[in-house]
PDB file of N, CA and C in Angstrom:
ATOM      1  N   MET A   1     -14.310  -0.061 -10.939  1.00  0.00           N
ATOM      2  CA  MET A   1     -13.289   0.216  -9.910  1.00  0.00           C
ATOM      3  C   MET A   1     -13.910   1.501  -9.121  1.00  0.00           C
ATOM      4  N   LEU A   2     -13.842   1.392  -7.766  1.00  0.00           N
ATOM      5  CA  LEU A   2     -14.235   2.521  -6.969  1.00  0.00           C
ATOM      6  C   LEU A   2     -12.939   3.224  -6.525  1.00  0.00           C
ATOM      7  N   ILE A   3     -12.877   4.498  -6.863  1.00  0.00           N
ATOM      8  CA  ILE A   3     -11.701   5.258  -6.524  1.00  0.00           C
ATOM      9  C   ILE A   3     -12.100   6.453  -5.677  1.00  0.00           C
ATOM     10  N   ASN A   4     -11.494   6.577  -4.523  1.00  0.00           N
ATOM     11  CA  ASN A   4     -11.687   7.707  -3.633  1.00  0.00           C
ATOM     12  C   ASN A   4     -11.225   8.951  -4.398  1.00  0.00           C
ATOM     13  N   ASN A   5     -11.902  10.086  -4.320  1.00  0.00           N
ATOM     14  CA  ASN A   5     -11.462  11.285  -5.119  1.00  0.00           C
ATOM     15  C   ASN A   5     -10.387  12.054  -4.487  1.00  0.00           C
ATOM     16  N   ASN A   6      -9.712  11.579  -3.464  1.00  0.00           N
ATOM     17  CA  ASN A   6      -8.623  12.224  -2.880  1.00  0.00           C
ATOM     18  C   ASN A   6      -7.465  12.420  -3.889  1.00  0.00           C
ATOM     19  N   THR A   7      -6.764  13.472  -3.697  1.00  0.00           N
ATOM     20  CA  THR A   7      -5.505  13.690  -4.458  1.00  0.00           C
ATOM     21  C   THR A   7      -4.385  13.326  -3.536  1.00  0.00           C
ATOM     22  N   TYR A   8      -3.619  12.341  -3.941  1.00  0.00           N
ATOM     23  CA  TYR A   8      -2.550  11.852  -3.060  1.00  0.00           C
ATOM     24  C   TYR A   8      -1.253  12.691  -3.377  1.00  0.00           C
ATOM     25  N   LYS A   9      -0.506  12.864  -2.330  1.00  0.00           N
ATOM     26  CA  LYS A   9       0.846  13.469  -2.431  1.00  0.00           C
ATOM     27  C   LYS A   9       1.910  12.368  -2.373  1.00  0.00           C
ATOM     28  N   GLU A  10       3.049  12.642  -2.970  1.00  0.00           N
ATOM     29  CA  GLU A  10       4.123  11.675  -2.950  1.00  0.00           C
ATOM     30  C   GLU A  10       4.420  11.312  -1.513  1.00  0.00           C
ATOM     31  N   ASN A  11       4.608  10.010  -1.258  1.00  0.00           N
ATOM     32  CA  ASN A  11       4.841   9.395   0.072  1.00  0.00           C
ATOM     33  C   ASN A  11       3.652   9.233   0.959  1.00  0.00           C
ATOM     34  N   ASP A  12       2.499   9.618   0.538  1.00  0.00           N
ATOM     35  CA  ASP A  12       1.280   9.324   1.239  1.00  0.00           C
ATOM     36  C   ASP A  12       1.131   7.801   1.371  1.00  0.00           C
ATOM     37  N   VAL A  13       0.591   7.314   2.463  1.00  0.00           N
ATOM     38  CA  VAL A  13       0.394   5.864   2.547  1.00  0.00           C
ATOM     39  C   VAL A  13      -1.063   5.587   2.091  1.00  0.00           C
ATOM     40  N   VAL A  14      -1.081   4.732   0.970  1.00  0.00           N
ATOM     41  CA  VAL A  14      -2.362   4.429   0.387  1.00  0.00           C
ATOM     42  C   VAL A  14      -2.661   2.928   0.407  1.00  0.00           C
ATOM     43  N   SER A  15      -3.941   2.586   0.366  1.00  0.00           N
ATOM     44  CA  SER A  15      -4.338   1.226   0.388  1.00  0.00           C
ATOM     45  C   SER A  15      -5.085   0.806  -0.855  1.00  0.00           C
ATOM     46  N   PHE A  16      -4.886  -0.376  -1.390  1.00  0.00           N
ATOM     47  CA  PHE A  16      -5.652  -0.841  -2.546  1.00  0.00           C
ATOM     48  C   PHE A  16      -6.224  -2.208  -2.261  1.00  0.00           C
ATOM     49  N   LYS A  17      -7.422  -2.421  -2.660  1.00  0.00           N
ATOM     50  CA  LYS A  17      -8.001  -3.729  -2.663  1.00  0.00           C
ATOM     51  C   LYS A  17      -8.024  -4.188  -4.175  1.00  0.00           C
ATOM     52  N   ILE A  18      -7.275  -5.226  -4.433  1.00  0.00           N
ATOM     53  CA  ILE A  18      -7.195  -5.619  -5.835  1.00  0.00           C
ATOM     54  C   ILE A  18      -8.123  -6.785  -6.124  1.00  0.00           C
ATOM     55  N   SER A  19      -8.375  -7.106  -7.363  1.00  0.00           N
ATOM     56  CA  SER A  19      -9.373  -8.112  -7.811  1.00  0.00           C
ATOM     57  C   SER A  19      -8.986  -9.556  -7.327  1.00  0.00           C
ATOM     58  N   SER A  20      -7.761  -9.779  -6.992  1.00  0.00           N
ATOM     59  CA  SER A  20      -7.347 -11.136  -6.388  1.00  0.00           C
ATOM     60  C   SER A  20      -7.851 -11.250  -4.983  1.00  0.00           C
ATOM     61  N   GLY A  21      -8.249 -10.133  -4.309  1.00  0.00           N
ATOM     62  CA  GLY A  21      -8.680 -10.211  -2.977  1.00  0.00           C
ATOM     63  C   GLY A  21      -7.663  -9.676  -1.983  1.00  0.00           C
ATOM     64  N   GLU A  22      -6.473  -9.456  -2.444  1.00  0.00           N
ATOM     65  CA  GLU A  22      -5.398  -8.900  -1.511  1.00  0.00           C
ATOM     66  C   GLU A  22      -5.627  -7.421  -1.257  1.00  0.00           C
ATOM     67  N   GLU A  23      -5.166  -7.007  -0.087  1.00  0.00           N
ATOM     68  CA  GLU A  23      -5.179  -5.559   0.259  1.00  0.00           C
ATOM     69  C   GLU A  23      -3.692  -5.191   0.346  1.00  0.00           C
ATOM     70  N   ILE A  24      -3.321  -4.197  -0.474  1.00  0.00           N
ATOM     71  CA  ILE A  24      -1.961  -3.795  -0.556  1.00  0.00           C
ATOM     72  C   ILE A  24      -1.890  -2.368   0.031  1.00  0.00           C
ATOM     73  N   ILE A  25      -0.853  -2.156   0.933  1.00  0.00           N
ATOM     74  CA  ILE A  25      -0.552  -0.854   1.501  1.00  0.00           C
ATOM     75  C   ILE A  25       0.841  -0.472   0.973  1.00  0.00           C
ATOM     76  N   GLY A  26       0.936   0.773   0.499  1.00  0.00           N
ATOM     77  CA  GLY A  26       2.231   1.229   0.017  1.00  0.00           C
ATOM     78  C   GLY A  26       2.360   2.764   0.029  1.00  0.00           C
ATOM     79  N   ARG A  27       3.582   3.282  -0.257  1.00  0.00           N
ATOM     80  CA  ARG A  27       3.802   4.668  -0.356  1.00  0.00           C
ATOM     81  C   ARG A  27       3.544   5.083  -1.846  1.00  0.00           C
ATOM     82  N   PHE A  28       2.689   6.041  -1.952  1.00  0.00           N
ATOM     83  CA  PHE A  28       2.292   6.583  -3.250  1.00  0.00           C
ATOM     84  C   PHE A  28       3.491   7.363  -3.815  1.00  0.00           C
ATOM     85  N   LEU A  29       3.731   7.093  -5.131  1.00  0.00           N
ATOM     86  CA  LEU A  29       4.755   7.910  -5.820  1.00  0.00           C
ATOM     87  C   LEU A  29       4.104   8.741  -6.934  1.00  0.00           C
ATOM     88  N   ARG A  30       3.341   8.135  -7.777  1.00  0.00           N
ATOM     89  CA  ARG A  30       2.649   8.826  -8.847  1.00  0.00           C
ATOM     90  C   ARG A  30       1.561   7.993  -9.469  1.00  0.00           C
ATOM     91  N   GLU A  31       0.817   8.693 -10.320  1.00  0.00           N
ATOM     92  CA  GLU A  31      -0.350   8.007 -10.952  1.00  0.00           C
ATOM     93  C   GLU A  31      -0.452   8.481 -12.388  1.00  0.00           C
ATOM     94  N   ASP A  32      -0.735   7.694 -13.279  1.00  0.00           N
ATOM     95  CA  ASP A  32      -1.106   8.084 -14.624  1.00  0.00           C
ATOM     96  C   ASP A  32      -2.453   7.465 -15.102  1.00  0.00           C
ATOM     97  N   LYS A  33      -2.739   7.563 -16.346  1.00  0.00           N
ATOM     98  CA  LYS A  33      -4.056   7.059 -16.794  1.00  0.00           C
ATOM     99  C   LYS A  33      -4.298   5.616 -16.472  1.00  0.00           C
ATOM    100  N   ASP A  34      -3.303   4.727 -16.599  1.00  0.00           N
ATOM    101  CA  ASP A  34      -3.498   3.302 -16.463  1.00  0.00           C
ATOM    102  C   ASP A  34      -2.922   2.696 -15.179  1.00  0.00           C
ATOM    103  N   THR A  35      -2.009   3.403 -14.578  1.00  0.00           N
ATOM    104  CA  THR A  35      -1.313   2.783 -13.347  1.00  0.00           C
ATOM    105  C   THR A  35      -1.218   3.738 -12.199  1.00  0.00           C
ATOM    106  N   VAL A  36      -0.971   3.110 -11.083  1.00  0.00           N
ATOM    107  CA  VAL A  36      -0.563   3.898  -9.829  1.00  0.00           C
ATOM    108  C   VAL A  36       0.831   3.230  -9.447  1.00  0.00           C
ATOM    109  N   THR A  37       1.778   4.154  -9.197  1.00  0.00           N
ATOM    110  CA  THR A  37       3.146   3.669  -8.810  1.00  0.00           C
ATOM    111  C   THR A  37       3.333   3.832  -7.344  1.00  0.00           C
ATOM    112  N   ILE A  38       3.721   2.746  -6.711  1.00  0.00           N
ATOM    113  CA  ILE A  38       3.990   2.746  -5.244  1.00  0.00           C
ATOM    114  C   ILE A  38       5.390   2.173  -4.965  1.00  0.00           C
ATOM    115  N   THR A  39       5.808   2.294  -3.694  1.00  0.00           N
ATOM    116  CA  THR A  39       7.005   1.644  -3.220  1.00  0.00           C
ATOM    117  C   THR A  39       6.760   1.074  -1.929  1.00  0.00           C
ATOM    118  N   LYS A  40       7.561   0.137  -1.458  1.00  0.00           N
ATOM    119  CA  LYS A  40       7.435  -0.524  -0.163  1.00  0.00           C
ATOM    120  C   LYS A  40       6.106  -1.172   0.084  1.00  0.00           C
ATOM    121  N   PRO A  41       5.599  -1.949  -0.914  1.00  0.00           N
ATOM    122  CA  PRO A  41       4.233  -2.543  -0.737  1.00  0.00           C
ATOM    123  C   PRO A  41       4.242  -3.614   0.334  1.00  0.00           C
ATOM    124  N   SER A  42       3.169  -3.644   1.133  1.00  0.00           N
ATOM    125  CA  SER A  42       2.959  -4.738   2.128  1.00  0.00           C
ATOM    126  C   SER A  42       1.550  -5.230   1.936  1.00  0.00           C
ATOM    127  N   VAL A  43       1.265  -6.435   2.403  1.00  0.00           N
ATOM    128  CA  VAL A  43      -0.094  -6.987   2.456  1.00  0.00           C
ATOM    129  C   VAL A  43      -0.423  -7.338   3.883  1.00  0.00           C
ATOM    130  N   LEU A  44      -1.724  -7.318   4.204  1.00  0.00           N
ATOM    131  CA  LEU A  44      -2.189  -7.798   5.512  1.00  0.00           C
ATOM    132  C   LEU A  44      -2.359  -9.198   5.553  1.00  0.00           C
ATOM    133  N   MET A  45      -1.890  -9.847   6.664  1.00  0.00           N
ATOM    134  CA  MET A  45      -2.068 -11.276   6.835  1.00  0.00           C
ATOM    135  C   MET A  45      -2.337 -11.547   8.283  1.00  0.00           C
ATOM    136  N   MET A  46      -3.107 -12.606   8.573  1.00  0.00           N
ATOM    137  CA  MET A  46      -3.381 -13.026   9.867  1.00  0.00           C
ATOM    138  C   MET A  46      -2.180 -13.862  10.397  1.00  0.00           C
ATOM    139  N   ASN A  47      -1.734 -13.684  11.620  1.00  0.00           N
ATOM    140  CA  ASN A  47      -0.689 -14.537  12.267  1.00  0.00           C
ATOM    141  C   ASN A  47      -1.182 -14.890  13.647  1.00  0.00           C
ATOM    142  N   GLN A  48      -0.283 -15.496  14.411  1.00  0.00           N
ATOM    143  CA  GLN A  48      -0.671 -15.965  15.757  1.00  0.00           C
ATOM    144  C   GLN A  48      -0.976 -14.764  16.689  1.00  0.00           C
ATOM    145  N   GLN A  49      -0.408 -13.613  16.460  1.00  0.00           N
ATOM    146  CA  GLN A  49      -0.628 -12.441  17.274  1.00  0.00           C
ATOM    147  C   GLN A  49      -1.770 -11.607  16.743  1.00  0.00           C
ATOM    148  N   GLY A  50      -2.370 -11.936  15.655  1.00  0.00           N
ATOM    149  CA  GLY A  50      -3.486 -11.158  15.066  1.00  0.00           C
ATOM    150  C   GLY A  50      -3.051 -10.727  13.677  1.00  0.00           C
ATOM    151  N   MET A  51      -3.494  -9.561  13.278  1.00  0.00           N
ATOM    152  CA  MET A  51      -3.204  -8.955  11.929  1.00  0.00           C
ATOM    153  C   MET A  51      -1.788  -8.457  11.893  1.00  0.00           C
ATOM    154  N   GLY A  52      -1.106  -8.762  10.796  1.00  0.00           N
ATOM    155  CA  GLY A  52       0.281  -8.287  10.599  1.00  0.00           C
ATOM    156  C   GLY A  52       0.531  -7.863   9.183  1.00  0.00           C
ATOM    157  N   MET A  53       1.576  -7.190   8.923  1.00  0.00           N
ATOM    158  CA  MET A  53       2.010  -6.789   7.549  1.00  0.00           C
ATOM    159  C   MET A  53       3.257  -7.547   7.174  1.00  0.00           C
ATOM    160  N   VAL A  54       3.230  -8.044   5.891  1.00  0.00           N
ATOM    161  CA  VAL A  54       4.359  -8.703   5.316  1.00  0.00           C
ATOM    162  C   VAL A  54       4.589  -8.117   3.939  1.00  0.00           C
ATOM    163  N   PRO A  55       5.831  -8.220   3.456  1.00  0.00           N
ATOM    164  CA  PRO A  55       6.137  -7.660   2.030  1.00  0.00           C
ATOM    165  C   PRO A  55       5.205  -8.353   1.028  1.00  0.00           C
ATOM    166  N   PHE A  56       4.807  -7.553   0.076  1.00  0.00           N
ATOM    167  CA  PHE A  56       3.932  -7.979  -1.028  1.00  0.00           C
ATOM    168  C   PHE A  56       4.637  -9.022  -1.877  1.00  0.00           C
ATOM    169  N   MET A  57       5.974  -8.773  -2.146  1.00  0.00           N
ATOM    170  CA  MET A  57       6.746  -9.706  -2.881  1.00  0.00           C
ATOM    171  C   MET A  57       8.070  -9.980  -2.199  1.00  0.00           C
ATOM    172  N   PHE A  58       8.464 -11.170  -2.011  1.00  0.00           N
ATOM    173  CA  PHE A  58       9.669 -11.525  -1.221  1.00  0.00           C
ATOM    174  C   PHE A  58      10.970 -11.586  -2.111  1.00  0.00           C
ATOM    175  N   THR A  59      10.764 -11.665  -3.426  1.00  0.00           N
ATOM    176  CA  THR A  59      11.928 -11.889  -4.301  1.00  0.00           C
ATOM    177  C   THR A  59      12.486 -10.665  -4.973  1.00  0.00           C
ATOM    178  N   VAL A  60      11.984  -9.492  -4.608  1.00  0.00           N
ATOM    179  CA  VAL A  60      12.474  -8.236  -5.191  1.00  0.00           C
ATOM    180  C   VAL A  60      12.633  -7.226  -4.047  1.00  0.00           C
ATOM    181  N   SER A  61      13.394  -6.187  -4.302  1.00  0.00           N
ATOM    182  CA  SER A  61      13.645  -5.195  -3.295  1.00  0.00           C
ATOM    183  C   SER A  61      12.337  -4.421  -3.010  1.00  0.00           C
ATOM    184  N   PRO A  62      11.996  -4.248  -1.707  1.00  0.00           N
ATOM    185  CA  PRO A  62      10.825  -3.511  -1.429  1.00  0.00           C
ATOM    186  C   PRO A  62      10.945  -2.001  -1.780  1.00  0.00           C
ATOM    187  N   ASP A  63      12.193  -1.546  -1.967  1.00  0.00           N
ATOM    188  CA  ASP A  63      12.359  -0.164  -2.401  1.00  0.00           C
ATOM    189  C   ASP A  63      12.179   0.059  -3.873  1.00  0.00           C
ATOM    190  N   SER A  64      11.972  -1.024  -4.626  1.00  0.00           N
ATOM    191  CA  SER A  64      11.640  -0.819  -6.038  1.00  0.00           C
ATOM    192  C   SER A  64      10.358  -0.059  -6.249  1.00  0.00           C
ATOM    193  N   GLU A  65      10.124   0.426  -7.447  1.00  0.00           N
ATOM    194  CA  GLU A  65       8.856   0.987  -7.774  1.00  0.00           C
ATOM    195  C   GLU A  65       7.995  -0.053  -8.359  1.00  0.00           C
ATOM    196  N   TYR A  66       6.748  -0.140  -7.944  1.00  0.00           N
ATOM    197  CA  TYR A  66       5.741  -1.108  -8.357  1.00  0.00           C
ATOM    198  C   TYR A  66       4.571  -0.385  -9.032  1.00  0.00           C
ATOM    199  N   GLN A  67       4.195  -0.852 -10.175  1.00  0.00           N
ATOM    200  CA  GLN A  67       3.088  -0.262 -10.859  1.00  0.00           C
ATOM    201  C   GLN A  67       1.851  -1.213 -10.688  1.00  0.00           C
ATOM    202  N   ILE A  68       0.819  -0.656 -10.215  1.00  0.00           N
ATOM    203  CA  ILE A  68      -0.459  -1.426 -10.020  1.00  0.00           C
ATOM    204  C   ILE A  68      -1.380  -0.948 -11.130  1.00  0.00           C
ATOM    205  N   TYR A  69      -1.802  -1.871 -11.970  1.00  0.00           N
ATOM    206  CA  TYR A  69      -2.695  -1.507 -13.013  1.00  0.00           C
ATOM    207  C   TYR A  69      -4.097  -1.222 -12.470  1.00  0.00           C
ATOM    208  N   LYS A  70      -4.623  -0.050 -12.795  1.00  0.00           N
ATOM    209  CA  LYS A  70      -5.940   0.384 -12.298  1.00  0.00           C
ATOM    210  C   LYS A  70      -6.972  -0.566 -12.634  1.00  0.00           C
ATOM    211  N   SER A  71      -6.866  -1.338 -13.735  1.00  0.00           N
ATOM    212  CA  SER A  71      -7.881  -2.272 -14.151  1.00  0.00           C
ATOM    213  C   SER A  71      -8.023  -3.428 -13.115  1.00  0.00           C
ATOM    214  N   THR A  72      -7.048  -3.621 -12.235  1.00  0.00           N
ATOM    215  CA  THR A  72      -7.075  -4.667 -11.233  1.00  0.00           C
ATOM    216  C   THR A  72      -7.561  -4.158  -9.867  1.00  0.00           C
ATOM    217  N   VAL A  73      -7.701  -2.834  -9.765  1.00  0.00           N
ATOM    218  CA  VAL A  73      -8.036  -2.203  -8.507  1.00  0.00           C
ATOM    219  C   VAL A  73      -9.613  -2.130  -8.319  1.00  0.00           C
ATOM    220  N   ILE A  74     -10.006  -2.594  -7.114  1.00  0.00           N
ATOM    221  CA  ILE A  74     -11.434  -2.529  -6.876  1.00  0.00           C
ATOM    222  C   ILE A  74     -11.690  -1.282  -6.020  1.00  0.00           C
ATOM    223  N   VAL A  75     -10.831  -1.057  -5.038  1.00  0.00           N
ATOM    224  CA  VAL A  75     -10.932   0.177  -4.207  1.00  0.00           C
ATOM    225  C   VAL A  75      -9.517   0.732  -3.923  1.00  0.00           C
ATOM    226  N   GLN A  76      -9.388   2.026  -3.899  1.00  0.00           N
ATOM    227  CA  GLN A  76      -8.190   2.686  -3.680  1.00  0.00           C
ATOM    228  C   GLN A  76      -8.492   3.903  -2.732  1.00  0.00           C
ATOM    229  N   ALA A  77      -7.717   4.000  -1.614  1.00  0.00           N
ATOM    230  CA  ALA A  77      -8.049   5.101  -0.693  1.00  0.00           C
ATOM    231  C   ALA A  77      -6.773   5.417   0.162  1.00  0.00           C
ATOM    232  N   LEU A  78      -6.748   6.595   0.807  1.00  0.00           N
ATOM    233  CA  LEU A  78      -5.782   6.927   1.738  1.00  0.00           C
ATOM    234  C   LEU A  78      -5.906   5.976   2.971  1.00  0.00           C
ATOM    235  N   THR A  79      -4.811   5.436   3.456  1.00  0.00           N
ATOM    236  CA  THR A  79      -4.783   4.508   4.533  1.00  0.00           C
ATOM    237  C   THR A  79      -5.208   5.142   5.920  1.00  0.00           C
ATOM    238  N   ASP A  80      -5.921   4.489   6.672  1.00  0.00           N
ATOM    239  CA  ASP A  80      -6.275   4.996   8.036  1.00  0.00           C
ATOM    240  C   ASP A  80      -5.060   5.449   8.750  1.00  0.00           C
ATOM    241  N   GLU A  81      -5.112   6.503   9.512  1.00  0.00           N
ATOM    242  CA  GLU A  81      -3.924   7.202  10.126  1.00  0.00           C
ATOM    243  C   GLU A  81      -3.185   6.189  11.067  1.00  0.00           C
ATOM    244  N   GLY A  82      -3.967   5.430  11.889  1.00  0.00           N
ATOM    245  CA  GLY A  82      -3.254   4.528  12.856  1.00  0.00           C
ATOM    246  C   GLY A  82      -2.539   3.367  12.145  1.00  0.00           C
ATOM    247  N   ILE A  83      -3.169   2.892  11.133  1.00  0.00           N
ATOM    248  CA  ILE A  83      -2.471   1.802  10.291  1.00  0.00           C
ATOM    249  C   ILE A  83      -1.297   2.410   9.543  1.00  0.00           C
ATOM    250  N   ALA A  84      -1.463   3.577   9.008  1.00  0.00           N
ATOM    251  CA  ALA A  84      -0.404   4.237   8.249  1.00  0.00           C
ATOM    252  C   ALA A  84       0.853   4.421   9.162  1.00  0.00           C
ATOM    253  N   LYS A  85       0.627   4.819  10.386  1.00  0.00           N
ATOM    254  CA  LYS A  85       1.726   4.994  11.320  1.00  0.00           C
ATOM    255  C   LYS A  85       2.478   3.655  11.631  1.00  0.00           C
ATOM    256  N   GLU A  86       1.636   2.586  11.763  1.00  0.00           N
ATOM    257  CA  GLU A  86       2.251   1.336  11.987  1.00  0.00           C
ATOM    258  C   GLU A  86       2.998   0.868  10.758  1.00  0.00           C
ATOM    259  N   TYR A  87       2.463   1.059   9.595  1.00  0.00           N
ATOM    260  CA  TYR A  87       3.141   0.737   8.307  1.00  0.00           C
ATOM    261  C   TYR A  87       4.501   1.445   8.189  1.00  0.00           C
ATOM    262  N   LEU A  88       4.436   2.857   8.453  1.00  0.00           N
ATOM    263  CA  LEU A  88       5.629   3.692   8.314  1.00  0.00           C
ATOM    264  C   LEU A  88       6.724   3.219   9.329  1.00  0.00           C
ATOM    265  N   ALA A  89       6.303   2.827  10.572  1.00  0.00           N
ATOM    266  CA  ALA A  89       7.286   2.405  11.559  1.00  0.00           C
ATOM    267  C   ALA A  89       7.897   1.082  11.055  1.00  0.00           C
ATOM    268  N   LYS A  90       7.130   0.183  10.427  1.00  0.00           N
ATOM    269  CA  LYS A  90       7.628  -1.112  10.088  1.00  0.00           C
ATOM    270  C   LYS A  90       8.602  -0.937   8.792  1.00  0.00           C
ATOM    271  N   THR A  91       8.207  -0.052   7.918  1.00  0.00           N
ATOM    272  CA  THR A  91       8.971   0.083   6.650  1.00  0.00           C
ATOM    273  C   THR A  91      10.110   1.018   6.837  1.00  0.00           C
ATOM    274  N   SER A  92      10.162   1.926   7.744  1.00  0.00           N
ATOM    275  CA  SER A  92      11.244   2.926   7.907  1.00  0.00           C
ATOM    276  C   SER A  92      12.107   2.568   9.107  1.00  0.00           C
ATOM    277  N   GLY A  93      11.673   1.733  10.059  1.00  0.00           N
ATOM    278  CA  GLY A  93      12.435   1.452  11.208  1.00  0.00           C
ATOM    279  C   GLY A  93      12.372   2.572  12.279  1.00  0.00           C
ATOM    280  N   ILE A  94      11.521   3.569  12.063  1.00  0.00           N
ATOM    281  CA  ILE A  94      11.395   4.748  12.940  1.00  0.00           C
ATOM    282  C   ILE A  94       9.998   4.580  13.644  1.00  0.00           C
ATOM    283  N   ALA A  95       9.988   4.492  14.911  1.00  0.00           N
ATOM    284  CA  ALA A  95       8.719   4.426  15.624  1.00  0.00           C
ATOM    285  C   ALA A  95       8.078   5.850  15.648  1.00  0.00           C
ATOM    286  N   LEU A  96       6.764   5.829  15.270  1.00  0.00           N
ATOM    287  CA  LEU A  96       6.017   7.119  15.259  1.00  0.00           C
ATOM    288  C   LEU A  96       4.972   7.087  16.401  1.00  0.00           C
ATOM    289  N   ARG A  97       4.757   8.210  17.015  1.00  0.00           N
ATOM    290  CA  ARG A  97       3.856   8.258  18.148  1.00  0.00           C
ATOM    291  C   ARG A  97       2.603   8.968  17.711  1.00  0.00           C
TER     292      ARG A  97
END
């Protein structure tokens, strides 16, 4: 697993590439030895208008806490600022400039 050596703060927008090939974007909550806990996870998908974000799981509340096992993470990093603003606008309903 390649991990960026950044120290994340609570509510930072972080991205993960997991071993299944999915790229997950979420708000960082905390990290321990084996897991990273996030909330409001989304994945990137292609649609008719180009790239878009959709909920990672449709059957549970996006406000739940999700633990990602580090053993499944290939890359973990702070999300690009422009994409993070788009993600925050989508998940909070507040447009950021």
